[in-house]
Amino acid sequence: MKFLIVDDNPGDRELVVRHLRREFPDAVFVEVFSRQGFEEAIAQRNFDLVFTDYQLHWTDGLWILRQCQEHLPHTPVIMITDTGGEEIAVEGMKAGLSDYLLKNHPSRLPIVVKETLEKVRLRRVHEETQEALRQANEALEAKVAERTRELQQLTAVLQADNAARQEAQAQLQALLKEKEVLLNEMNHRVKNNLQIVASLLSLQADTIQDANIRSMIEESRHRINTMALIHETLYQAGDVAQVEFATYVRTLVTQLFEASGVSPGQISLEVQADAMPLELTTAIPCGLLLNELVTNCLKHAFPEQRSGAIRIGLKANADGHVTLQVSDTGVGFPEGLNFRTTESLGLQLIRLLAEQLRGAIALERLGGTTFTITFPVSSAT
């Protein structure tokens, strides 16, 4: 582990090193206090994290950030300053800072560093997974392109020779079948890759002592499992284009209940779902949306082993819309909290996923909490 500290105050640099040395005893700390020293340091391109003050005698922290983005594009930057202006923090985060910390709270520095490094690690895992999926898609596209060329050749033969038509049609059917098999295999491989990522996150969570970070990783693992279940449903059904969503809803909710560790009989579950096929581009955000809503119920609605019920409704409307409703009889959504503006990641995801579905969200607080999302979908029946 190698850290770069940019600060022209030797006392402040020593403070950063002292607080980080306890958590990272084997780390290498490179301290610079001038433009020349900074430029020589970033030329090495081998830092895991950069710390910078906002006010420097020879520049400011935002210039340092821009230089790091140019020369160390994959290295996170944390600003540590005694200037507490909110506008500085907002400007820095918009510009690409990983985090912003005041010098009068140095004890938080190890926590901020751990969280930042964990975000970098998860991003790399995500990028590696995306690259693997990209390569798989390229291979599939190449195979399909090869088969398409063969189909074109067969079409030319049919036009030239009627006698070969039956044989060519048989080959055409075989090629189409092979394409379905390839797409089905892709769903299987995507599901397996997502489950590998989920397993890696689970193993990582077991090694983390901080309960908040461990909870964040577990929530990410559940979201990945939610997507994996979509591809598993496609693979098992043999339909490469559509998911029978009512069946998927029951399977997903059952898994969430099992993963939450709810005591038998504590929370009852009722699912009323119309049978409907959804295309993959709709099923994935809808499944993630259901995951967030049910997870929120299990986490917050029934504190201290309180008993109650969770009800889930999925209805295909005659106007080509679908209504998804998740309600509970728990303690209720906080009166002073606006779910449209809160910084809660789960509620932010709910809003973003509803927007992706071009849907509308409604919240009711009577007798517990009820979220209702209505969105258009041409495949609803």
Protein backbone atom coordinates (compact mmCIF):
# COMPACT_ATOMS: atom_id res chain seq x y z
CA MET A 1 0.00 0.00 0.00
CA LYS A 2 1.43 3.40 -1.03
CA PHE A 3 -0.08 6.79 -0.10
CA LEU A 4 0.79 10.24 -1.49
CA ILE A 5 0.27 13.20 0.91
CA VAL A 6 0.25 16.70 -0.63
CA ASP A 7 0.40 19.40 2.09
CA ASP A 8 2.81 22.28 2.72
CA ASN A 9 2.25 22.07 6.49
CA PRO A 10 4.61 19.46 8.02
CA GLY A 11 2.47 19.18 11.15
CA ASP A 12 -0.62 18.32 9.10
CA ARG A 13 1.32 15.73 7.07
CA GLU A 14 2.57 14.15 10.31
CA LEU A 15 -1.03 14.07 11.65
CA VAL A 16 -2.23 12.15 8.57
CA VAL A 17 0.64 9.65 8.77
CA ARG A 18 0.15 9.09 12.50
CA HIS A 19 -3.57 8.30 12.19
CA LEU A 20 -3.11 6.02 9.19
CA ARG A 21 -0.05 4.18 10.47
CA ARG A 22 -2.16 2.40 13.10
CA GLU A 23 -4.49 0.86 10.50
CA PHE A 24 -1.90 0.47 7.74
CA PRO A 25 1.40 -0.35 9.49
CA ASP A 26 3.07 -1.60 6.30
CA ALA A 27 2.02 1.36 4.13
CA VAL A 28 4.56 3.59 2.40
CA PHE A 29 3.88 7.35 2.81
CA VAL A 30 5.28 9.81 0.25
CA GLU A 31 5.04 13.42 1.45
CA VAL A 32 5.34 16.39 -0.92
CA PHE A 33 5.03 20.12 -0.23
CA SER A 34 5.93 21.78 -3.53
CA ARG A 35 4.82 21.71 -7.17
CA GLN A 36 8.09 20.12 -8.26
CA GLY A 37 7.84 17.42 -5.62
CA PHE A 38 4.24 16.71 -6.57
CA GLU A 39 5.01 16.46 -10.31
CA GLU A 40 7.94 14.12 -9.63
CA ALA A 41 5.73 11.95 -7.39
CA ILE A 42 2.80 11.53 -9.80
CA ALA A 43 5.23 10.64 -12.56
CA GLN A 44 5.78 7.38 -10.65
CA ARG A 45 2.10 6.40 -11.26
CA ASN A 46 2.09 3.80 -8.47
CA PHE A 47 -0.05 5.23 -5.66
CA ASP A 48 -3.11 3.58 -4.10
CA LEU A 49 -4.52 6.80 -2.63
CA VAL A 50 -3.78 10.55 -2.75
CA PHE A 51 -4.47 12.98 0.12
CA THR A 52 -4.40 16.71 -0.55
CA ASP A 53 -5.02 19.91 1.38
CA TYR A 54 -7.40 22.43 -0.19
CA GLN A 55 -5.33 25.51 0.51
CA LEU A 56 -1.71 25.24 -0.60
CA HIS A 57 0.78 28.07 -0.93
CA TRP A 58 1.38 27.23 -4.58
CA THR A 59 -2.03 25.96 -5.76
CA ASP A 60 -5.28 24.46 -4.41
CA GLY A 61 -6.68 20.98 -3.92
CA LEU A 62 -8.88 21.11 -7.03
CA TRP A 63 -5.80 21.60 -9.24
CA ILE A 64 -4.20 18.63 -7.49
CA LEU A 65 -7.36 16.62 -8.23
CA ARG A 66 -7.27 17.52 -11.94
CA GLN A 67 -3.61 16.54 -12.21
CA CYS A 68 -4.31 13.19 -10.52
CA GLN A 69 -7.25 12.54 -12.86
CA GLU A 70 -4.92 13.13 -15.81
CA HIS A 71 -1.87 11.20 -14.60
CA LEU A 72 -3.40 8.75 -12.05
CA PRO A 73 -6.92 8.21 -13.45
CA HIS A 74 -7.65 5.12 -11.36
CA THR A 75 -6.31 6.49 -8.05
CA PRO A 76 -8.88 7.95 -5.59
CA VAL A 77 -8.26 11.42 -4.11
CA ILE A 78 -9.35 12.51 -0.60
CA MET A 79 -9.27 16.19 0.37
CA ILE A 80 -8.30 16.97 3.98
CA THR A 81 -8.70 20.63 4.93
CA ASP A 82 -9.52 23.03 7.72
CA THR A 83 -11.77 25.00 5.36
CA GLY A 84 -15.29 23.86 6.09
CA GLY A 85 -17.20 25.63 3.37
CA GLU A 86 -19.99 23.41 2.06
CA GLU A 87 -19.58 24.86 -1.43
CA ILE A 88 -15.96 23.63 -1.50
CA ALA A 89 -17.01 20.11 -0.58
CA VAL A 90 -19.80 20.10 -3.19
CA GLU A 91 -17.48 21.46 -5.89
CA GLY A 92 -14.84 18.88 -5.03
CA MET A 93 -17.24 15.92 -5.04
CA LYS A 94 -18.70 17.05 -8.37
CA ALA A 95 -15.18 17.31 -9.78
CA GLY A 96 -14.43 13.71 -8.81
CA LEU A 97 -13.16 13.64 -5.20
CA SER A 98 -13.60 10.27 -3.51
CA ASP A 99 -14.25 11.97 -0.16
CA TYR A 100 -13.82 15.22 1.82
CA LEU A 101 -12.63 15.38 5.46
CA LEU A 102 -12.06 18.26 7.90
CA LYS A 103 -8.76 18.38 9.79
CA ASN A 104 -10.58 18.72 13.11
CA HIS A 105 -11.93 15.15 12.64
CA PRO A 106 -8.69 13.20 12.03
CA SER A 107 -9.98 10.13 13.88
CA ARG A 108 -12.38 9.46 10.96
CA LEU A 109 -9.51 9.29 8.50
CA PRO A 110 -8.88 5.49 8.75
CA ILE A 111 -12.61 4.81 8.30
CA VAL A 112 -12.82 7.07 5.25
CA VAL A 113 -9.71 5.43 3.75
CA LYS A 114 -11.08 1.91 4.29
CA GLU A 115 -14.41 2.85 2.70
CA THR A 116 -12.65 4.48 -0.27
CA LEU A 117 -10.35 1.52 -0.87
CA GLU A 118 -13.30 -0.87 -0.65
CA LYS A 119 -15.22 1.18 -3.25
CA VAL A 120 -12.18 1.01 -5.54
CA ARG A 121 -11.97 -2.77 -5.08
CA LEU A 122 -15.68 -3.26 -5.82
CA ARG A 123 -15.40 -1.03 -8.88
CA ARG A 124 -12.53 -3.13 -10.19
CA VAL A 125 -14.53 -6.32 -9.61
CA HIS A 126 -17.44 -4.76 -11.48
CA GLU A 127 -15.18 -3.68 -14.37
CA GLU A 128 -13.64 -7.14 -14.60
CA THR A 129 -17.11 -8.69 -14.66
CA GLN A 130 -18.26 -6.25 -17.32
CA GLU A 131 -15.18 -7.05 -19.40
CA ALA A 132 -15.86 -10.76 -19.10
CA LEU A 133 -19.47 -10.20 -20.19
CA ARG A 134 -18.29 -8.01 -23.08
CA GLN A 135 -15.92 -10.72 -24.29
CA ALA A 136 -18.67 -13.32 -24.01
CA ASN A 137 -21.03 -11.09 -25.99
CA GLU A 138 -18.40 -10.51 -28.67
CA ALA A 139 -17.84 -14.24 -28.99
CA LEU A 140 -21.57 -14.80 -29.24
CA GLU A 141 -21.97 -12.06 -31.83
CA ALA A 142 -19.13 -13.52 -33.88
CA LYS A 143 -20.77 -16.94 -33.75
CA VAL A 144 -24.13 -15.49 -34.75
CA ALA A 145 -22.46 -13.51 -37.56
CA GLU A 146 -20.82 -16.69 -38.80
CA ARG A 147 -24.14 -18.49 -38.78
CA THR A 148 -25.81 -15.52 -40.50
CA ARG A 149 -23.30 -15.72 -43.34
CA GLU A 150 -24.11 -19.40 -43.69
CA LEU A 151 -27.82 -18.53 -43.83
CA GLN A 152 -27.15 -16.04 -46.61
CA GLN A 153 -25.26 -18.69 -48.57
CA LEU A 154 -28.13 -21.10 -48.10
CA THR A 155 -30.59 -18.47 -49.34
CA ALA A 156 -28.53 -18.04 -52.52
CA VAL A 157 -28.61 -21.80 -53.06
CA LEU A 158 -32.41 -21.81 -52.63
CA GLN A 159 -32.79 -19.08 -55.24
CA ALA A 160 -30.58 -20.97 -57.69
CA ASP A 161 -31.91 -24.45 -57.16
CA ASN A 162 -35.45 -25.33 -56.10
CA ALA A 163 -34.43 -28.92 -55.61
CA ALA A 164 -32.28 -27.97 -52.63
CA ARG A 165 -35.06 -26.02 -50.86
CA GLN A 166 -36.12 -28.70 -48.38
CA GLU A 167 -32.57 -29.46 -47.35
CA ALA A 168 -31.78 -25.74 -46.95
CA GLN A 169 -34.90 -25.20 -44.81
CA ALA A 170 -33.84 -28.03 -42.56
CA GLN A 171 -30.42 -26.47 -42.15
CA LEU A 172 -32.06 -23.12 -41.46
CA GLN A 173 -34.13 -24.61 -38.64
CA ALA A 174 -31.02 -26.21 -37.20
CA LEU A 175 -29.19 -22.87 -37.26
CA LEU A 176 -32.08 -21.10 -35.53
CA LYS A 177 -32.15 -23.83 -32.93
CA GLU A 178 -28.42 -23.46 -32.46
CA LYS A 179 -28.87 -19.69 -31.98
CA GLU A 180 -31.43 -20.35 -29.25
CA VAL A 181 -29.05 -22.80 -27.60
CA LEU A 182 -26.26 -20.21 -27.75
CA LEU A 183 -28.47 -17.52 -26.21
CA ASN A 184 -29.64 -19.95 -23.55
CA GLU A 185 -26.02 -20.82 -22.80
CA MET A 186 -25.24 -17.10 -22.51
CA ASN A 187 -27.96 -16.72 -19.85
CA HIS A 188 -26.46 -19.67 -18.02
CA ARG A 189 -22.94 -18.22 -18.14
CA VAL A 190 -24.08 -14.73 -17.14
CA LYS A 191 -25.93 -16.25 -14.19
CA ASN A 192 -22.83 -18.20 -13.18
CA ASN A 193 -20.58 -15.12 -13.47
CA LEU A 194 -22.97 -13.05 -11.35
CA GLN A 195 -23.13 -15.78 -8.72
CA ILE A 196 -19.33 -15.90 -8.64
CA VAL A 197 -19.25 -12.16 -7.97
CA ALA A 198 -21.92 -12.58 -5.27
CA SER A 199 -19.87 -15.35 -3.65
CA LEU A 200 -16.73 -13.19 -3.71
CA LEU A 201 -18.67 -10.38 -2.02
CA SER A 202 -19.93 -12.81 0.61
CA LEU A 203 -16.39 -14.00 1.33
CA GLN A 204 -15.19 -10.40 1.55
CA ALA A 205 -18.02 -9.49 3.93
CA ASP A 206 -16.95 -12.27 6.30
CA THR A 207 -13.54 -10.60 6.70
CA ILE A 208 -14.85 -7.09 7.47
CA GLN A 209 -15.37 -6.04 11.08
CA ASP A 210 -17.23 -2.79 10.38
CA ALA A 211 -20.94 -3.68 10.50
CA ASN A 212 -21.96 -0.82 8.19
CA ILE A 213 -19.50 -1.79 5.46
CA ARG A 214 -20.44 -5.45 5.84
CA SER A 215 -24.13 -4.53 5.49
CA MET A 216 -23.39 -2.50 2.34
CA ILE A 217 -21.57 -5.46 0.78
CA GLU A 218 -24.41 -7.84 1.70
CA GLU A 219 -26.96 -5.50 0.10
CA SER A 220 -24.86 -5.37 -3.07
CA ARG A 221 -24.65 -9.19 -3.03
CA HIS A 222 -28.48 -9.43 -2.83
CA ARG A 223 -28.81 -7.07 -5.80
CA ILE A 224 -26.42 -9.18 -7.86
CA ASN A 225 -28.34 -12.34 -6.87
CA THR A 226 -31.54 -10.62 -7.99
CA MET A 227 -30.08 -10.13 -11.49
CA ALA A 228 -28.65 -13.65 -11.51
CA LEU A 229 -32.10 -15.06 -10.71
CA ILE A 230 -33.50 -13.37 -13.85
CA HIS A 231 -30.98 -15.19 -16.07
CA GLU A 232 -31.51 -18.45 -14.17
CA THR A 233 -35.28 -18.15 -14.75
CA LEU A 234 -34.69 -17.61 -18.48
CA TYR A 235 -32.31 -20.58 -18.62
CA GLN A 236 -34.65 -22.95 -16.78
CA ALA A 237 -37.70 -21.88 -18.78
CA GLY A 238 -35.89 -22.19 -22.08
CA ASP A 239 -37.27 -18.80 -23.19
CA VAL A 240 -34.36 -16.56 -24.22
CA ALA A 241 -36.44 -13.37 -24.51
CA GLN A 242 -39.03 -13.18 -21.72
CA VAL A 243 -39.33 -13.90 -17.99
CA GLU A 244 -42.52 -15.29 -16.45
CA PHE A 245 -42.48 -12.59 -13.78
CA ALA A 246 -45.10 -13.92 -11.36
CA THR A 247 -43.02 -17.06 -10.81
CA TYR A 248 -39.89 -14.94 -10.49
CA VAL A 249 -41.54 -12.71 -7.85
CA ARG A 250 -42.41 -15.66 -5.60
CA THR A 251 -38.92 -17.16 -5.91
CA LEU A 252 -37.15 -13.86 -5.23
CA VAL A 253 -39.26 -12.94 -2.20
CA THR A 254 -38.82 -16.39 -0.72
CA GLN A 255 -35.03 -16.08 -1.06
CA LEU A 256 -35.06 -12.62 0.56
CA PHE A 257 -37.05 -13.94 3.52
CA GLU A 258 -34.62 -16.84 3.95
CA ALA A 259 -31.57 -14.55 3.69
CA SER A 260 -32.97 -12.07 6.24
CA GLY A 261 -33.09 -14.66 9.03
CA VAL A 262 -36.69 -13.79 9.98
CA SER A 263 -38.00 -16.04 12.74
CA PRO A 264 -40.68 -18.54 11.59
CA GLY A 265 -44.10 -17.06 12.20
CA GLN A 266 -42.79 -13.57 12.96
CA ILE A 267 -43.65 -12.02 9.57
CA SER A 268 -46.27 -13.52 7.29
CA LEU A 269 -46.03 -13.19 3.52
CA GLU A 270 -48.83 -12.81 0.98
CA VAL A 271 -48.14 -12.69 -2.77
CA GLN A 272 -50.83 -11.98 -5.35
CA ALA A 273 -49.27 -11.86 -8.81
CA ASP A 274 -50.89 -12.01 -12.23
CA ALA A 275 -49.14 -14.27 -14.71
CA MET A 276 -47.28 -12.08 -17.17
CA PRO A 277 -44.19 -12.34 -19.40
CA LEU A 278 -41.73 -9.43 -19.21
CA GLU A 279 -38.85 -8.74 -21.55
CA LEU A 280 -35.35 -8.83 -20.06
CA THR A 281 -34.90 -5.04 -20.27
CA THR A 282 -38.00 -4.59 -18.09
CA ALA A 283 -37.63 -7.64 -15.84
CA ILE A 284 -34.17 -6.70 -14.49
CA PRO A 285 -35.03 -3.18 -13.20
CA CYS A 286 -38.41 -4.43 -11.96
CA GLY A 287 -36.71 -7.28 -10.08
CA LEU A 288 -34.16 -4.90 -8.54
CA LEU A 289 -36.99 -2.57 -7.56
CA LEU A 290 -38.83 -5.42 -5.82
CA ASN A 291 -35.59 -6.44 -4.08
CA GLU A 292 -35.11 -2.94 -2.62
CA LEU A 293 -38.74 -2.59 -1.46
CA VAL A 294 -38.90 -5.99 0.26
CA THR A 295 -35.43 -5.58 1.78
CA ASN A 296 -36.49 -2.21 3.26
CA CYS A 297 -39.54 -3.88 4.83
CA LEU A 298 -37.46 -6.68 6.37
CA LYS A 299 -34.80 -4.26 7.67
CA HIS A 300 -36.88 -1.41 9.04
CA ALA A 301 -40.58 -2.25 9.40
CA PHE A 302 -40.38 -4.80 12.24
CA PRO A 303 -37.75 -3.76 14.83
CA GLU A 304 -37.15 -5.73 18.04
CA GLN A 305 -38.72 -8.95 16.70
CA ARG A 306 -42.05 -7.23 16.08
CA SER A 307 -44.51 -9.41 14.19
CA GLY A 308 -46.59 -8.42 11.20
CA ALA A 309 -47.22 -9.06 7.53
CA ILE A 310 -45.78 -8.15 4.14
CA ARG A 311 -48.04 -8.16 1.09
CA ILE A 312 -46.91 -8.05 -2.51
CA GLY A 313 -49.19 -7.39 -5.45
CA LEU A 314 -48.39 -7.56 -9.17
CA LYS A 315 -51.25 -6.68 -11.50
CA ALA A 316 -51.47 -6.32 -15.28
CA ASN A 317 -53.83 -3.45 -16.07
CA ALA A 318 -56.02 -3.25 -19.15
CA ASP A 319 -54.34 -0.02 -20.30
CA GLY A 320 -50.97 -1.73 -20.89
CA HIS A 321 -49.53 -0.78 -17.51
CA VAL A 322 -48.34 -2.94 -14.62
CA THR A 323 -48.86 -2.09 -10.95
CA LEU A 324 -46.33 -3.37 -8.41
CA GLN A 325 -47.31 -2.85 -4.78
CA VAL A 326 -45.33 -3.73 -1.64
CA SER A 327 -46.94 -3.04 1.75
CA ASP A 328 -46.25 -3.95 5.37
CA THR A 329 -48.01 -3.62 8.73
CA GLY A 330 -44.87 -2.44 10.48
CA VAL A 331 -43.92 0.74 12.34
CA GLY A 332 -44.52 2.94 9.31
CA PHE A 333 -42.42 5.21 7.16
CA PRO A 334 -41.02 8.17 9.17
CA GLU A 335 -43.31 11.20 8.86
CA GLY A 336 -40.48 13.70 8.53
CA LEU A 337 -38.66 11.77 5.80
CA ASN A 338 -39.21 12.55 2.11
CA PHE A 339 -38.32 9.42 0.15
CA ARG A 340 -37.84 11.49 -3.02
CA THR A 341 -34.96 13.54 -1.55
CA THR A 342 -33.38 11.26 1.07
CA GLU A 343 -29.73 10.20 0.65
CA SER A 344 -30.54 6.57 1.50
CA LEU A 345 -28.99 4.39 -1.23
CA GLY A 346 -31.93 1.97 -1.19
CA LEU A 347 -34.53 4.72 -1.68
CA GLN A 348 -32.36 6.40 -4.33
CA LEU A 349 -32.24 3.11 -6.23
CA ILE A 350 -36.02 2.78 -5.97
CA ARG A 351 -36.46 6.22 -7.55
CA LEU A 352 -33.87 5.58 -10.28
CA LEU A 353 -35.27 2.15 -11.16
CA ALA A 354 -38.81 3.56 -11.33
CA GLU A 355 -37.54 6.27 -13.69
CA GLN A 356 -35.83 3.61 -15.82
CA LEU A 357 -39.20 1.85 -16.10
CA ARG A 358 -40.87 5.21 -16.89
CA GLY A 359 -43.06 4.57 -13.87
CA ALA A 360 -44.74 6.59 -11.12
CA ILE A 361 -44.24 6.02 -7.36
CA ALA A 362 -46.82 6.58 -4.62
CA LEU A 363 -46.31 6.20 -0.85
CA GLU A 364 -49.01 5.58 1.77
CA ARG A 365 -48.30 5.61 5.53
CA LEU A 366 -51.65 4.38 6.90
CA GLY A 367 -51.41 1.16 8.96
CA GLY A 368 -47.76 0.64 8.02
CA THR A 369 -46.10 1.50 4.72
CA THR A 370 -47.23 0.92 1.14
CA PHE A 371 -45.19 1.66 -1.98
CA THR A 372 -47.05 1.52 -5.31
CA ILE A 373 -45.21 1.70 -8.64
CA THR A 374 -47.11 1.81 -11.93
CA PHE A 375 -45.19 1.54 -15.19
CA PRO A 376 -46.00 0.88 -18.88
CA VAL A 377 -45.09 -2.43 -20.45
CA SER A 378 -46.25 -3.64 -23.86
CA SER A 379 -45.89 -7.34 -22.91
CA ALA A 380 -48.31 -7.20 -19.97
CA THR A 381 -51.43 -9.25 -20.48
